[in-house]
Amino acid sequence: LGPNILLNTHMDTVPPGDINNWNGYDPFGAQIDQQGYIHGLAAADDKGGLSVQLYLMKLIRDLKDQGVSIPGHLIFSTVVQEEAVGMFGIEYLCQKTLPDKKLDVDVVFLGEPTDLNLLIGHRGKVEIVATIKGRAAHSSAPWLGINALEMSVPLLDKIFKEWGANIPETH
């Protein structure tokens, strides 16, 4: 047998925002301009990656139909809840769906846009929950209170200037 390869991308999108900012293009359309660029909500993130992965599945099926032996499994998956919360869909896939199907995965190819560069690894996401305590005071006597925003500055400095200082840019 060979490696189990997971192709994964997400199907959800962010809201289109102000329609006037689409310069006459329908955000829910898929219009191609004179330069060959496609305009539409999620054209790059992530309908482009989804299309490539679907096409790859068709190519692999064609090869198998021609008798080519391909070791391992090629698993295609799409998830939701990536744009809004970043993990619920893939978390469910990895913690529930794949184990229920008794599938292990050796490598994952994400369909995220990368400016046509192959990237190894994923920046991921870290969520920090912090409680900064303050005390409300009337604006006429702010010295009687404790400004929680002001108290959070040292933590924010540490997060952005120290903890995140060595994270390489992906573009």
C-alpha atoms as a PDB file:
ATOM      1  CA  LEU A   1       0.000   0.000   0.000  1.00  0.00           C
ATOM      2  CA  GLY A   2       1.061   3.620  -0.262  1.00  0.00           C
ATOM      3  CA  PRO A   3       0.475   6.882   1.543  1.00  0.00           C
ATOM      4  CA  ASN A   4      -2.973   8.207   2.268  1.00  0.00           C
ATOM      5  CA  ILE A   5      -3.216  11.689   0.788  1.00  0.00           C
ATOM      6  CA  LEU A   6      -5.918  14.087   1.903  1.00  0.00           C
ATOM      7  CA  LEU A   7      -6.994  16.904  -0.393  1.00  0.00           C
ATOM      8  CA  ASN A   8      -8.847  19.477   1.653  1.00  0.00           C
ATOM      9  CA  THR A   9     -10.334  22.868   1.051  1.00  0.00           C
ATOM     10  CA  HIS A  10     -13.157  24.897   2.496  1.00  0.00           C
ATOM     11  CA  MET A  11     -16.453  25.837   0.873  1.00  0.00           C
ATOM     12  CA  ASP A  12     -17.538  28.716   3.086  1.00  0.00           C
ATOM     13  CA  THR A  13     -16.887  32.358   2.318  1.00  0.00           C
ATOM     14  CA  VAL A  14     -16.931  35.685   4.028  1.00  0.00           C
ATOM     15  CA  PRO A  15     -19.878  38.010   3.308  1.00  0.00           C
ATOM     16  CA  PRO A  16     -19.507  40.088   0.118  1.00  0.00           C
ATOM     17  CA  GLY A  17     -19.618  43.393   1.957  1.00  0.00           C
ATOM     18  CA  ASP A  18     -20.722  46.528   0.126  1.00  0.00           C
ATOM     19  CA  ILE A  19     -21.826  45.497  -3.388  1.00  0.00           C
ATOM     20  CA  ASN A  20     -20.610  48.872  -4.722  1.00  0.00           C
ATOM     21  CA  ASN A  21     -17.025  47.817  -3.991  1.00  0.00           C
ATOM     22  CA  TRP A  22     -17.272  45.043  -6.602  1.00  0.00           C
ATOM     23  CA  ASN A  23     -16.847  47.529  -9.493  1.00  0.00           C
ATOM     24  CA  GLY A  24     -19.846  46.246 -11.408  1.00  0.00           C
ATOM     25  CA  TYR A  25     -19.075  42.542 -10.945  1.00  0.00           C
ATOM     26  CA  ASP A  26     -21.612  40.280  -9.305  1.00  0.00           C
ATOM     27  CA  PRO A  27     -19.958  38.884  -6.159  1.00  0.00           C
ATOM     28  CA  PHE A  28     -22.097  35.766  -6.569  1.00  0.00           C
ATOM     29  CA  GLY A  29     -21.194  35.409 -10.236  1.00  0.00           C
ATOM     30  CA  ALA A  30     -18.057  34.151 -11.875  1.00  0.00           C
ATOM     31  CA  GLN A  31     -17.280  36.745 -14.514  1.00  0.00           C
ATOM     32  CA  ILE A  32     -13.974  36.643 -16.379  1.00  0.00           C
ATOM     33  CA  ASP A  33     -12.500  40.002 -17.374  1.00  0.00           C
ATOM     34  CA  GLN A  34     -10.440  40.802 -20.488  1.00  0.00           C
ATOM     35  CA  GLN A  35      -7.187  39.905 -18.719  1.00  0.00           C
ATOM     36  CA  GLY A  36      -8.531  36.457 -17.828  1.00  0.00           C
ATOM     37  CA  TYR A  37      -9.114  37.168 -14.145  1.00  0.00           C
ATOM     38  CA  ILE A  38     -12.222  35.668 -12.579  1.00  0.00           C
ATOM     39  CA  HIS A  39     -14.304  37.954 -10.378  1.00  0.00           C
ATOM     40  CA  GLY A  40     -16.578  36.529  -7.739  1.00  0.00           C
ATOM     41  CA  LEU A  41     -16.782  35.893  -4.037  1.00  0.00           C
ATOM     42  CA  ALA A  42     -14.172  33.301  -3.013  1.00  0.00           C
ATOM     43  CA  ALA A  43     -12.785  32.866  -6.527  1.00  0.00           C
ATOM     44  CA  ALA A  44      -9.308  32.521  -5.021  1.00  0.00           C
ATOM     45  CA  ASP A  45     -10.198  31.567  -1.462  1.00  0.00           C
ATOM     46  CA  ASP A  46     -11.212  28.880  -1.971  1.00  0.00           C
ATOM     47  CA  LYS A  47     -13.164  28.003  -5.097  1.00  0.00           C
ATOM     48  CA  GLY A  48      -9.934  27.998  -7.116  1.00  0.00           C
ATOM     49  CA  GLY A  49      -8.342  25.395  -4.863  1.00  0.00           C
ATOM     50  CA  LEU A  50     -11.552  23.393  -4.763  1.00  0.00           C
ATOM     51  CA  SER A  51     -11.686  23.323  -8.571  1.00  0.00           C
ATOM     52  CA  VAL A  52      -8.074  22.159  -8.839  1.00  0.00           C
ATOM     53  CA  GLN A  53      -8.646  19.384  -6.330  1.00  0.00           C
ATOM     54  CA  LEU A  54     -11.826  18.210  -8.067  1.00  0.00           C
ATOM     55  CA  TYR A  55      -9.984  18.165 -11.392  1.00  0.00           C
ATOM     56  CA  LEU A  56      -7.151  16.165  -9.825  1.00  0.00           C
ATOM     57  CA  MET A  57      -9.662  13.598  -8.559  1.00  0.00           C
ATOM     58  CA  LYS A  58     -10.996  13.253 -12.126  1.00  0.00           C
ATOM     59  CA  LEU A  59      -7.461  12.819 -13.505  1.00  0.00           C
ATOM     60  CA  ILE A  60      -6.662  10.131 -10.932  1.00  0.00           C
ATOM     61  CA  ARG A  61      -9.945   8.339 -11.735  1.00  0.00           C
ATOM     62  CA  ASP A  62      -9.086   8.444 -15.462  1.00  0.00           C
ATOM     63  CA  LEU A  63      -5.645   6.981 -14.760  1.00  0.00           C
ATOM     64  CA  LYS A  64      -7.135   4.186 -12.652  1.00  0.00           C
ATOM     65  CA  ASP A  65      -9.688   3.482 -15.398  1.00  0.00           C
ATOM     66  CA  GLN A  66      -6.732   3.088 -17.791  1.00  0.00           C
ATOM     67  CA  GLY A  67      -5.220   0.472 -15.495  1.00  0.00           C
ATOM     68  CA  VAL A  68      -2.626   2.599 -13.724  1.00  0.00           C
ATOM     69  CA  SER A  69      -2.030   1.294 -10.211  1.00  0.00           C
ATOM     70  CA  ILE A  70      -1.908   4.064  -7.653  1.00  0.00           C
ATOM     71  CA  PRO A  71      -0.792   3.031  -4.157  1.00  0.00           C
ATOM     72  CA  GLY A  72      -2.558   4.345  -1.092  1.00  0.00           C
ATOM     73  CA  HIS A  73      -5.734   6.340  -0.941  1.00  0.00           C
ATOM     74  CA  LEU A  74      -6.528   9.773  -2.277  1.00  0.00           C
ATOM     75  CA  ILE A  75      -9.146  11.305  -0.008  1.00  0.00           C
ATOM     76  CA  PHE A  76     -11.063  14.384  -1.096  1.00  0.00           C
ATOM     77  CA  SER A  77     -12.764  16.499   1.546  1.00  0.00           C
ATOM     78  CA  THR A  78     -14.370  19.881   1.813  1.00  0.00           C
ATOM     79  CA  VAL A  79     -15.191  21.601   5.056  1.00  0.00           C
ATOM     80  CA  VAL A  80     -17.066  24.632   6.317  1.00  0.00           C
ATOM     81  CA  GLN A  81     -16.552  26.913   9.305  1.00  0.00           C
ATOM     82  CA  GLU A  82     -13.042  27.822   8.145  1.00  0.00           C
ATOM     83  CA  GLU A  83     -13.521  31.491   7.328  1.00  0.00           C
ATOM     84  CA  ALA A  84     -15.492  32.435  10.423  1.00  0.00           C
ATOM     85  CA  VAL A  85     -13.838  30.315  13.103  1.00  0.00           C
ATOM     86  CA  GLY A  86     -10.952  28.640  11.342  1.00  0.00           C
ATOM     87  CA  MET A  87     -11.166  25.104  12.579  1.00  0.00           C
ATOM     88  CA  PHE A  88     -14.523  23.530  13.317  1.00  0.00           C
ATOM     89  CA  GLY A  89     -14.930  21.826   9.940  1.00  0.00           C
ATOM     90  CA  ILE A  90     -11.430  20.381   9.695  1.00  0.00           C
ATOM     91  CA  GLU A  91     -11.480  19.522  13.397  1.00  0.00           C
ATOM     92  CA  TYR A  92     -14.665  17.472  12.891  1.00  0.00           C
ATOM     93  CA  LEU A  93     -13.165  15.813   9.823  1.00  0.00           C
ATOM     94  CA  CYS A  94      -9.999  14.812  11.705  1.00  0.00           C
ATOM     95  CA  GLN A  95     -11.580  13.884  15.031  1.00  0.00           C
ATOM     96  CA  LYS A  96     -14.787  12.219  13.822  1.00  0.00           C
ATOM     97  CA  THR A  97     -15.149  11.516  10.100  1.00  0.00           C
ATOM     98  CA  LEU A  98     -11.700  10.079   9.324  1.00  0.00           C
ATOM     99  CA  PRO A  99     -11.578   7.853  12.450  1.00  0.00           C
ATOM    100  CA  ASP A 100     -15.152   6.660  11.824  1.00  0.00           C
ATOM    101  CA  LYS A 101     -14.082   5.653   8.308  1.00  0.00           C
ATOM    102  CA  LYS A 102     -10.881   4.105   9.734  1.00  0.00           C
ATOM    103  CA  LEU A 103      -8.738   6.365   7.568  1.00  0.00           C
ATOM    104  CA  ASP A 104      -5.294   7.593   8.531  1.00  0.00           C
ATOM    105  CA  VAL A 105      -3.722  10.459   6.643  1.00  0.00           C
ATOM    106  CA  ASP A 106      -0.026  10.730   5.812  1.00  0.00           C
ATOM    107  CA  VAL A 107      -0.022  14.093   4.060  1.00  0.00           C
ATOM    108  CA  VAL A 108      -2.543  16.885   3.473  1.00  0.00           C
ATOM    109  CA  PHE A 109      -2.742  19.272   0.541  1.00  0.00           C
ATOM    110  CA  LEU A 110      -4.783  22.370   1.358  1.00  0.00           C
ATOM    111  CA  GLY A 111      -6.391  24.332  -1.440  1.00  0.00           C
ATOM    112  CA  GLU A 112      -5.595  27.714   0.070  1.00  0.00           C
ATOM    113  CA  PRO A 113      -4.325  30.437  -2.300  1.00  0.00           C
ATOM    114  CA  THR A 114      -0.552  30.908  -2.237  1.00  0.00           C
ATOM    115  CA  ASP A 115       0.165  33.184  -5.226  1.00  0.00           C
ATOM    116  CA  LEU A 116       1.028  30.006  -7.185  1.00  0.00           C
ATOM    117  CA  ASN A 117       3.804  29.068  -4.754  1.00  0.00           C
ATOM    118  CA  LEU A 118       4.090  25.679  -3.092  1.00  0.00           C
ATOM    119  CA  LEU A 119       4.215  26.210   0.648  1.00  0.00           C
ATOM    120  CA  ILE A 120       5.182  23.566   3.155  1.00  0.00           C
ATOM    121  CA  GLY A 121       3.447  23.871   6.471  1.00  0.00           C
ATOM    122  CA  HIS A 122       0.695  26.172   7.545  1.00  0.00           C
ATOM    123  CA  ARG A 123       0.901  29.258   9.696  1.00  0.00           C
ATOM    124  CA  GLY A 124      -2.071  28.103  11.668  1.00  0.00           C
ATOM    125  CA  LYS A 125      -3.809  30.127  14.261  1.00  0.00           C
ATOM    126  CA  VAL A 126      -3.450  30.776  17.955  1.00  0.00           C
ATOM    127  CA  GLU A 127      -6.271  32.049  20.076  1.00  0.00           C
ATOM    128  CA  ILE A 128      -5.433  33.776  23.317  1.00  0.00           C
ATOM    129  CA  VAL A 129      -8.086  34.452  25.901  1.00  0.00           C
ATOM    130  CA  ALA A 130      -7.033  37.102  28.360  1.00  0.00           C
ATOM    131  CA  THR A 131      -8.917  38.811  31.130  1.00  0.00           C
ATOM    132  CA  ILE A 132      -7.828  42.362  31.799  1.00  0.00           C
ATOM    133  CA  LYS A 133      -9.557  43.831  34.818  1.00  0.00           C
ATOM    134  CA  GLY A 134     -10.381  47.466  35.063  1.00  0.00           C
ATOM    135  CA  ARG A 135     -12.668  49.730  37.008  1.00  0.00           C
ATOM    136  CA  ALA A 136     -15.173  52.056  35.416  1.00  0.00           C
ATOM    137  CA  ALA A 137     -15.038  55.726  36.230  1.00  0.00           C
ATOM    138  CA  HIS A 138     -16.757  58.797  34.912  1.00  0.00           C
ATOM    139  CA  SER A 139     -14.861  60.673  32.189  1.00  0.00           C
ATOM    140  CA  SER A 140     -14.746  63.731  34.430  1.00  0.00           C
ATOM    141  CA  ALA A 141     -12.614  61.764  36.939  1.00  0.00           C
ATOM    142  CA  PRO A 142     -10.732  59.052  35.020  1.00  0.00           C
ATOM    143  CA  TRP A 143      -8.096  58.810  37.764  1.00  0.00           C
ATOM    144  CA  LEU A 144     -10.732  57.100  39.923  1.00  0.00           C
ATOM    145  CA  GLY A 145     -10.874  54.175  37.527  1.00  0.00           C
ATOM    146  CA  ILE A 146      -8.550  51.655  35.941  1.00  0.00           C
ATOM    147  CA  ASN A 147      -8.479  51.697  32.140  1.00  0.00           C
ATOM    148  CA  ALA A 148      -8.499  48.023  31.076  1.00  0.00           C
ATOM    149  CA  LEU A 149      -7.405  48.941  27.545  1.00  0.00           C
ATOM    150  CA  GLU A 150      -4.378  50.752  28.893  1.00  0.00           C
ATOM    151  CA  MET A 151      -3.625  47.813  31.170  1.00  0.00           C
ATOM    152  CA  SER A 152      -3.667  45.471  28.137  1.00  0.00           C
ATOM    153  CA  VAL A 153      -0.876  47.338  26.284  1.00  0.00           C
ATOM    154  CA  PRO A 154       2.027  45.358  27.856  1.00  0.00           C
ATOM    155  CA  LEU A 155       0.331  42.076  26.905  1.00  0.00           C
ATOM    156  CA  LEU A 156      -0.355  43.281  23.360  1.00  0.00           C
ATOM    157  CA  ASP A 157       3.264  44.451  23.023  1.00  0.00           C
ATOM    158  CA  LYS A 158       4.485  41.027  24.109  1.00  0.00           C
ATOM    159  CA  ILE A 159       2.131  39.259  21.670  1.00  0.00           C
ATOM    160  CA  PHE A 160       2.964  41.384  18.635  1.00  0.00           C
ATOM    161  CA  LYS A 161       6.593  42.346  19.265  1.00  0.00           C
ATOM    162  CA  GLU A 162       7.987  39.242  20.967  1.00  0.00           C
ATOM    163  CA  TRP A 163       5.828  36.163  20.401  1.00  0.00           C
ATOM    164  CA  GLY A 164       5.019  36.963  16.773  1.00  0.00           C
ATOM    165  CA  ALA A 165       8.385  38.450  15.827  1.00  0.00           C
ATOM    166  CA  ASN A 166       9.826  35.266  14.318  1.00  0.00           C
ATOM    167  CA  ILE A 167       6.808  34.173  12.299  1.00  0.00           C
ATOM    168  CA  PRO A 168       7.816  34.305   8.633  1.00  0.00           C
ATOM    169  CA  GLU A 169       5.557  35.982   6.094  1.00  0.00           C
ATOM    170  CA  THR A 170       3.879  33.600   3.654  1.00  0.00           C
ATOM    171  CA  HIS A 171       3.774  36.004   0.722  1.00  0.00           C
END
